[in-house]
N, C-alpha and C. Protein backbone atom coordinates (compact mmCIF):
# COMPACT_ATOMS: atom_id res chain seq x y z
N MET A 1 0.85 -1.17 0.00
CA MET A 1 0.00 0.00 0.00
C MET A 1 0.90 1.24 0.00
N PRO A 2 0.63 2.24 -0.85
CA PRO A 2 1.47 3.43 -0.90
C PRO A 2 1.29 4.27 0.36
N ARG A 3 2.40 4.89 0.76
CA ARG A 3 2.34 5.77 1.92
C ARG A 3 1.90 7.16 1.48
N LEU A 4 1.11 7.81 2.31
CA LEU A 4 0.60 9.13 1.97
C LEU A 4 1.58 10.24 2.31
N LEU A 5 2.41 10.05 3.31
CA LEU A 5 3.37 11.06 3.70
C LEU A 5 4.78 10.51 3.62
N ALA A 6 5.70 11.38 3.28
CA ALA A 6 7.10 10.98 3.21
C ALA A 6 7.64 10.83 4.64
N ASP A 7 8.83 10.25 4.72
CA ASP A 7 9.47 10.13 6.02
C ASP A 7 9.64 11.51 6.63
N PRO A 8 9.57 11.59 7.97
CA PRO A 8 9.77 12.90 8.60
C PRO A 8 11.17 13.42 8.28
N PRO A 9 11.28 14.71 8.01
CA PRO A 9 12.59 15.24 7.64
C PRO A 9 13.51 15.30 8.85
N SER A 10 14.81 15.27 8.57
CA SER A 10 15.76 15.45 9.65
C SER A 10 15.70 16.91 10.10
N ARG A 11 16.22 17.16 11.26
CA ARG A 11 16.23 18.53 11.80
C ARG A 11 17.01 19.47 10.88
N ALA A 12 18.11 18.99 10.33
CA ALA A 12 18.93 19.82 9.43
C ALA A 12 18.16 20.19 8.17
N VAL A 13 17.40 19.25 7.63
CA VAL A 13 16.60 19.51 6.42
C VAL A 13 15.53 20.55 6.72
N THR A 14 14.87 20.41 7.84
CA THR A 14 13.83 21.37 8.22
C THR A 14 14.41 22.76 8.43
N ILE A 15 15.56 22.83 9.10
CA ILE A 15 16.21 24.13 9.33
C ILE A 15 16.62 24.75 8.00
N ALA A 16 17.17 23.95 7.09
CA ALA A 16 17.55 24.46 5.78
C ALA A 16 16.33 24.99 5.04
N GLY A 17 15.22 24.28 5.12
CA GLY A 17 13.99 24.73 4.48
C GLY A 17 13.50 26.05 5.04
N HIS A 18 13.54 26.18 6.35
CA HIS A 18 13.12 27.44 6.98
C HIS A 18 14.08 28.57 6.63
N ALA A 19 15.37 28.26 6.52
CA ALA A 19 16.35 29.29 6.16
C ALA A 19 16.11 29.79 4.73
N LEU A 20 15.93 28.87 3.79
CA LEU A 20 15.65 29.28 2.41
C LEU A 20 14.35 30.07 2.31
N SER A 21 13.31 29.58 2.99
CA SER A 21 12.03 30.29 2.98
C SER A 21 12.16 31.67 3.60
N SER A 22 12.92 31.77 4.69
CA SER A 22 13.09 33.06 5.35
C SER A 22 13.81 34.06 4.45
N LEU A 23 14.81 33.60 3.70
CA LEU A 23 15.49 34.48 2.75
C LEU A 23 14.52 35.00 1.70
N ALA A 24 13.72 34.11 1.16
CA ALA A 24 12.74 34.51 0.15
C ALA A 24 11.72 35.49 0.75
N ILE A 25 11.23 35.19 1.94
CA ILE A 25 10.23 36.04 2.60
C ILE A 25 10.81 37.43 2.87
N LEU A 26 12.02 37.50 3.39
CA LEU A 26 12.63 38.81 3.69
C LEU A 26 12.81 39.64 2.42
N PHE A 27 13.30 39.01 1.36
CA PHE A 27 13.48 39.74 0.11
C PHE A 27 12.13 40.23 -0.43
N LEU A 28 11.13 39.36 -0.42
CA LEU A 28 9.83 39.73 -0.98
C LEU A 28 9.11 40.78 -0.12
N LEU A 29 9.29 40.72 1.20
CA LEU A 29 8.72 41.77 2.06
C LEU A 29 9.35 43.12 1.71
N PHE A 30 10.67 43.13 1.56
CA PHE A 30 11.35 44.36 1.16
C PHE A 30 10.83 44.84 -0.19
N ASP A 31 10.73 43.93 -1.14
CA ASP A 31 10.28 44.29 -2.49
C ASP A 31 8.86 44.84 -2.47
N GLY A 32 7.98 44.24 -1.68
CA GLY A 32 6.61 44.73 -1.59
C GLY A 32 6.50 46.05 -0.85
N LEU A 33 7.23 46.17 0.26
CA LEU A 33 7.15 47.38 1.07
C LEU A 33 7.73 48.60 0.37
N ILE A 34 8.78 48.39 -0.42
CA ILE A 34 9.41 49.53 -1.10
C ILE A 34 8.48 50.13 -2.17
N LYS A 35 7.49 49.38 -2.59
CA LYS A 35 6.57 49.86 -3.62
C LYS A 35 5.39 50.64 -3.03
N LEU A 36 5.22 50.63 -1.72
CA LEU A 36 4.07 51.31 -1.12
C LEU A 36 4.22 52.83 -1.06
N PRO A 37 5.34 53.37 -0.56
CA PRO A 37 5.47 54.83 -0.59
C PRO A 37 5.86 55.29 -2.00
N PRO A 38 5.56 56.53 -2.34
CA PRO A 38 5.90 57.01 -3.69
C PRO A 38 7.40 57.32 -3.82
N LEU A 39 8.19 56.31 -4.12
CA LEU A 39 9.64 56.49 -4.28
C LEU A 39 9.98 56.66 -5.76
N ASP A 40 10.84 57.63 -6.05
CA ASP A 40 11.22 57.89 -7.44
C ASP A 40 11.89 56.69 -8.09
N VAL A 41 12.72 55.97 -7.34
CA VAL A 41 13.43 54.84 -7.92
C VAL A 41 12.46 53.75 -8.38
N VAL A 42 11.39 53.54 -7.64
CA VAL A 42 10.40 52.53 -8.00
C VAL A 42 9.61 53.00 -9.23
N THR A 43 9.14 54.24 -9.19
CA THR A 43 8.36 54.78 -10.31
C THR A 43 9.18 54.79 -11.60
N THR A 44 10.43 55.21 -11.50
CA THR A 44 11.31 55.27 -12.67
C THR A 44 11.58 53.88 -13.22
N THR A 45 11.88 52.94 -12.34
CA THR A 45 12.19 51.57 -12.78
C THR A 45 10.98 50.93 -13.45
N LEU A 46 9.81 51.08 -12.85
CA LEU A 46 8.61 50.49 -13.46
C LEU A 46 8.27 51.15 -14.79
N ALA A 47 8.53 52.45 -14.91
CA ALA A 47 8.31 53.13 -16.19
C ALA A 47 9.27 52.60 -17.25
N GLU A 48 10.52 52.35 -16.87
CA GLU A 48 11.50 51.79 -17.80
C GLU A 48 11.11 50.38 -18.25
N LEU A 49 10.40 49.67 -17.38
CA LEU A 49 9.94 48.32 -17.72
C LEU A 49 8.64 48.34 -18.52
N GLY A 50 8.07 49.53 -18.72
CA GLY A 50 6.87 49.65 -19.54
C GLY A 50 5.57 49.64 -18.78
N TYR A 51 5.63 49.79 -17.46
CA TYR A 51 4.40 49.81 -16.67
C TYR A 51 3.92 51.24 -16.48
N PRO A 52 2.59 51.44 -16.45
CA PRO A 52 2.06 52.80 -16.28
C PRO A 52 2.26 53.32 -14.86
N ALA A 53 2.27 54.62 -14.73
CA ALA A 53 2.39 55.25 -13.41
C ALA A 53 1.17 54.89 -12.57
N GLY A 54 1.36 54.76 -11.29
CA GLY A 54 0.27 54.48 -10.38
C GLY A 54 0.06 53.00 -10.07
N ILE A 55 0.85 52.14 -10.68
CA ILE A 55 0.69 50.70 -10.46
C ILE A 55 1.49 50.21 -9.24
N GLU A 56 2.35 51.07 -8.71
CA GLU A 56 3.29 50.67 -7.67
C GLU A 56 2.62 50.09 -6.43
N ARG A 57 1.65 50.80 -5.89
CA ARG A 57 1.01 50.35 -4.65
C ARG A 57 0.27 49.03 -4.83
N GLY A 58 -0.45 48.91 -5.92
CA GLY A 58 -1.18 47.67 -6.18
C GLY A 58 -0.23 46.49 -6.33
N LEU A 59 0.87 46.70 -7.03
CA LEU A 59 1.87 45.65 -7.19
C LEU A 59 2.50 45.31 -5.84
N GLY A 60 2.80 46.33 -5.05
CA GLY A 60 3.38 46.09 -3.72
C GLY A 60 2.43 45.31 -2.82
N LEU A 61 1.15 45.67 -2.85
CA LEU A 61 0.16 44.94 -2.04
C LEU A 61 0.03 43.48 -2.49
N MET A 62 0.05 43.27 -3.81
CA MET A 62 -0.05 41.92 -4.33
C MET A 62 1.16 41.08 -3.87
N ILE A 63 2.35 41.65 -3.95
CA ILE A 63 3.55 40.94 -3.49
C ILE A 63 3.45 40.63 -2.01
N LEU A 64 3.01 41.59 -1.22
CA LEU A 64 2.91 41.37 0.23
C LEU A 64 1.86 40.31 0.58
N ILE A 65 0.73 40.32 -0.08
CA ILE A 65 -0.31 39.33 0.19
C ILE A 65 0.19 37.93 -0.16
N CYS A 66 0.79 37.78 -1.33
CA CYS A 66 1.32 36.47 -1.74
C CYS A 66 2.41 36.00 -0.78
N THR A 67 3.25 36.93 -0.35
CA THR A 67 4.34 36.58 0.58
C THR A 67 3.79 36.16 1.94
N LEU A 68 2.78 36.87 2.42
CA LEU A 68 2.18 36.50 3.70
C LEU A 68 1.51 35.13 3.61
N LEU A 69 0.86 34.85 2.49
CA LEU A 69 0.28 33.51 2.31
C LEU A 69 1.38 32.45 2.34
N TYR A 70 2.51 32.74 1.73
CA TYR A 70 3.64 31.80 1.72
C TYR A 70 4.25 31.64 3.11
N ALA A 71 4.25 32.69 3.90
CA ALA A 71 4.88 32.66 5.22
C ALA A 71 4.08 31.85 6.24
N VAL A 72 2.77 31.73 6.04
CA VAL A 72 1.92 30.97 6.96
C VAL A 72 1.94 29.50 6.54
N PRO A 73 2.37 28.59 7.41
CA PRO A 73 2.51 27.18 7.00
C PRO A 73 1.26 26.57 6.37
N ARG A 74 0.10 26.89 6.88
CA ARG A 74 -1.13 26.29 6.37
C ARG A 74 -1.44 26.73 4.93
N THR A 75 -1.06 27.96 4.57
CA THR A 75 -1.35 28.48 3.23
C THR A 75 -0.09 28.60 2.36
N ALA A 76 1.01 28.06 2.82
CA ALA A 76 2.28 28.19 2.09
C ALA A 76 2.22 27.64 0.66
N PRO A 77 1.60 26.49 0.42
CA PRO A 77 1.54 26.04 -0.99
C PRO A 77 0.79 27.01 -1.90
N LEU A 78 -0.31 27.57 -1.43
CA LEU A 78 -1.04 28.57 -2.22
C LEU A 78 -0.16 29.78 -2.45
N GLY A 79 0.52 30.25 -1.42
CA GLY A 79 1.42 31.39 -1.57
C GLY A 79 2.52 31.11 -2.58
N ALA A 80 3.07 29.89 -2.55
CA ALA A 80 4.13 29.53 -3.50
C ALA A 80 3.61 29.53 -4.93
N ILE A 81 2.39 29.04 -5.13
CA ILE A 81 1.80 29.04 -6.47
C ILE A 81 1.58 30.47 -6.96
N LEU A 82 1.04 31.33 -6.10
CA LEU A 82 0.80 32.71 -6.49
C LEU A 82 2.11 33.46 -6.74
N LEU A 83 3.13 33.19 -5.91
CA LEU A 83 4.43 33.82 -6.14
C LEU A 83 5.05 33.34 -7.45
N THR A 84 4.84 32.08 -7.79
CA THR A 84 5.35 31.56 -9.06
C THR A 84 4.73 32.31 -10.23
N ALA A 85 3.44 32.59 -10.14
CA ALA A 85 2.78 33.37 -11.19
C ALA A 85 3.38 34.78 -11.28
N LEU A 86 3.63 35.37 -10.12
CA LEU A 86 4.24 36.70 -10.08
C LEU A 86 5.63 36.68 -10.71
N PHE A 87 6.41 35.66 -10.40
CA PHE A 87 7.76 35.54 -10.98
C PHE A 87 7.68 35.34 -12.49
N GLY A 88 6.67 34.60 -12.94
CA GLY A 88 6.49 34.41 -14.38
C GLY A 88 6.23 35.73 -15.09
N GLY A 89 5.45 36.59 -14.46
CA GLY A 89 5.21 37.92 -15.03
C GLY A 89 6.48 38.75 -15.09
N ALA A 90 7.29 38.65 -14.06
CA ALA A 90 8.56 39.38 -14.05
C ALA A 90 9.49 38.86 -15.14
N ILE A 91 9.52 37.55 -15.31
CA ILE A 91 10.36 36.96 -16.37
C ILE A 91 9.87 37.43 -17.74
N ALA A 92 8.57 37.42 -17.96
CA ALA A 92 8.01 37.86 -19.24
C ALA A 92 8.33 39.34 -19.50
N THR A 93 8.26 40.16 -18.46
CA THR A 93 8.60 41.58 -18.60
C THR A 93 10.04 41.75 -19.04
N HIS A 94 10.95 41.05 -18.38
CA HIS A 94 12.37 41.19 -18.73
C HIS A 94 12.68 40.59 -20.09
N LEU A 95 11.98 39.55 -20.47
CA LEU A 95 12.15 38.97 -21.80
C LEU A 95 11.70 39.96 -22.88
N ARG A 96 10.58 40.63 -22.62
CA ARG A 96 10.01 41.58 -23.57
C ARG A 96 10.94 42.76 -23.85
N ILE A 97 11.64 43.25 -22.81
CA ILE A 97 12.49 44.43 -23.00
C ILE A 97 13.95 44.06 -23.29
N GLY A 98 14.25 42.78 -23.33
CA GLY A 98 15.60 42.35 -23.68
C GLY A 98 16.63 42.52 -22.58
N SER A 99 16.24 42.29 -21.33
CA SER A 99 17.17 42.40 -20.20
C SER A 99 18.24 41.33 -20.27
N PRO A 100 19.37 41.56 -19.59
CA PRO A 100 20.41 40.53 -19.51
C PRO A 100 19.84 39.24 -18.92
N VAL A 101 20.31 38.12 -19.44
CA VAL A 101 19.71 36.82 -19.10
C VAL A 101 19.96 36.44 -17.65
N PHE A 102 21.21 36.32 -17.24
CA PHE A 102 21.51 35.74 -15.94
C PHE A 102 21.23 36.67 -14.76
N SER A 103 21.33 37.96 -14.95
CA SER A 103 21.11 38.88 -13.83
C SER A 103 19.66 39.33 -13.70
N HIS A 104 18.95 39.47 -14.81
CA HIS A 104 17.59 39.99 -14.75
C HIS A 104 16.54 38.97 -15.15
N LEU A 105 16.70 38.42 -16.35
CA LEU A 105 15.69 37.52 -16.90
C LEU A 105 15.47 36.29 -16.02
N LEU A 106 16.54 35.69 -15.56
CA LEU A 106 16.43 34.46 -14.76
C LEU A 106 16.26 34.72 -13.27
N PHE A 107 16.21 35.97 -12.85
CA PHE A 107 16.06 36.26 -11.42
C PHE A 107 14.77 35.68 -10.86
N GLY A 108 13.70 35.70 -11.64
CA GLY A 108 12.44 35.08 -11.21
C GLY A 108 12.58 33.58 -11.04
N VAL A 109 13.39 32.96 -11.88
CA VAL A 109 13.64 31.52 -11.73
C VAL A 109 14.41 31.26 -10.44
N TYR A 110 15.41 32.10 -10.16
CA TYR A 110 16.17 31.93 -8.92
C TYR A 110 15.26 32.07 -7.70
N LEU A 111 14.38 33.07 -7.72
CA LEU A 111 13.45 33.25 -6.60
C LEU A 111 12.49 32.07 -6.49
N GLY A 112 12.02 31.58 -7.63
CA GLY A 112 11.12 30.42 -7.62
C GLY A 112 11.80 29.20 -7.02
N LEU A 113 13.06 28.98 -7.37
CA LEU A 113 13.79 27.85 -6.79
C LEU A 113 13.96 28.02 -5.28
N LEU A 114 14.20 29.24 -4.85
CA LEU A 114 14.32 29.52 -3.42
C LEU A 114 13.00 29.26 -2.69
N VAL A 115 11.91 29.76 -3.25
CA VAL A 115 10.58 29.58 -2.64
C VAL A 115 10.19 28.11 -2.59
N TRP A 116 10.25 27.42 -3.74
CA TRP A 116 9.83 26.02 -3.79
C TRP A 116 10.81 25.10 -3.09
N GLY A 117 12.11 25.40 -3.19
CA GLY A 117 13.10 24.59 -2.48
C GLY A 117 12.92 24.66 -0.97
N GLY A 118 12.70 25.88 -0.46
CA GLY A 118 12.46 26.04 0.97
C GLY A 118 11.20 25.32 1.42
N LEU A 119 10.14 25.44 0.63
CA LEU A 119 8.88 24.78 0.98
C LEU A 119 9.03 23.27 0.91
N TRP A 120 9.71 22.76 -0.11
CA TRP A 120 9.89 21.31 -0.26
C TRP A 120 10.68 20.75 0.92
N LEU A 121 11.69 21.47 1.37
CA LEU A 121 12.51 20.98 2.48
C LEU A 121 11.76 21.02 3.82
N ARG A 122 10.84 21.96 3.98
CA ARG A 122 10.17 22.09 5.29
C ARG A 122 8.80 21.46 5.35
N ASP A 123 8.24 21.03 4.22
CA ASP A 123 6.88 20.51 4.22
C ASP A 123 6.84 19.06 3.75
N PRO A 124 6.59 18.11 4.66
CA PRO A 124 6.57 16.70 4.27
C PRO A 124 5.46 16.37 3.28
N ARG A 125 4.37 17.15 3.28
CA ARG A 125 3.29 16.90 2.31
C ARG A 125 3.76 17.15 0.89
N LEU A 126 4.55 18.20 0.71
CA LEU A 126 5.06 18.51 -0.62
C LEU A 126 6.10 17.47 -1.05
N ARG A 127 6.92 17.02 -0.11
CA ARG A 127 7.90 15.98 -0.44
C ARG A 127 7.21 14.68 -0.82
N ALA A 128 6.05 14.39 -0.21
CA ALA A 128 5.30 13.19 -0.58
C ALA A 128 4.68 13.35 -1.96
N LEU A 129 4.26 14.56 -2.29
CA LEU A 129 3.65 14.82 -3.59
C LEU A 129 4.69 14.84 -4.71
N LEU A 130 5.86 15.38 -4.41
CA LEU A 130 6.95 15.49 -5.39
C LEU A 130 8.21 14.83 -4.86
N PRO A 131 8.23 13.51 -4.80
CA PRO A 131 9.41 12.84 -4.23
C PRO A 131 10.57 12.83 -5.23
N PHE A 132 11.75 13.16 -4.75
CA PHE A 132 12.96 13.04 -5.55
C PHE A 132 13.70 11.82 -5.02
N ARG A 133 13.76 10.82 -5.85
CA ARG A 133 14.39 9.57 -5.43
C ARG A 133 15.38 9.13 -6.48
N ARG A 134 16.36 8.38 -6.02
CA ARG A 134 17.28 7.76 -6.97
C ARG A 134 16.56 6.63 -7.67
N ALA A 135 16.91 6.41 -8.91
CA ALA A 135 16.31 5.30 -9.66
C ALA A 135 16.75 3.99 -9.03
N THR A 136 15.81 3.10 -8.84
CA THR A 136 16.13 1.78 -8.29
C THR A 136 15.99 0.76 -9.40
N SER A 137 16.79 -0.28 -9.31
CA SER A 137 16.71 -1.32 -10.31
C SER A 137 15.46 -2.17 -10.06
N SER A 138 14.91 -2.66 -11.14
CA SER A 138 13.70 -3.48 -11.00
C SER A 138 14.07 -4.85 -10.45
N PRO A 139 13.15 -5.46 -9.72
CA PRO A 139 13.45 -6.78 -9.15
C PRO A 139 13.73 -7.79 -10.26
N GLN A 140 14.51 -8.78 -9.94
CA GLN A 140 14.86 -9.80 -10.93
C GLN A 140 13.60 -10.52 -11.39
N GLY A 141 13.54 -10.74 -12.68
CA GLY A 141 12.40 -11.45 -13.23
C GLY A 141 11.25 -10.55 -13.59
N ALA A 142 11.32 -9.28 -13.21
CA ALA A 142 10.23 -8.36 -13.56
C ALA A 142 10.48 -7.84 -14.95
N SER A 143 9.43 -7.72 -15.71
CA SER A 143 9.58 -7.22 -17.07
C SER A 143 9.28 -5.71 -17.06
N SER A 144 9.93 -5.01 -17.98
CA SER A 144 9.73 -3.56 -18.05
C SER A 144 8.71 -3.21 -19.07
């Protein structure tokens, strides 16, 4: 009978997951909060990316809501999904304007790996859903 939950993680794995998640949360809180007050650097940067004026606060609130959902263990998977959508939009924006690949275009991928990696390490339900295992050889006499 298949098991519904993966083995309990070691303490080191759980701590690593919380550390990765905390890094992502801190960065995203900063990113969301900096968009709330009318800062010239934010307005100028968003204009250079092709976004209309006045979008800053709404974008900041969206980032903060998604981040808070990710920070709460019970809603962390939903938060990770919503943050992934947000990162996809950022990647599309940088692709559209021809930003440098490794520093700008792939930054959303790096954040996504941080968010999902941290969640995978700290949440046994996600590890059960997405198990990473080494390939095992089939038993003798079994046909493929």
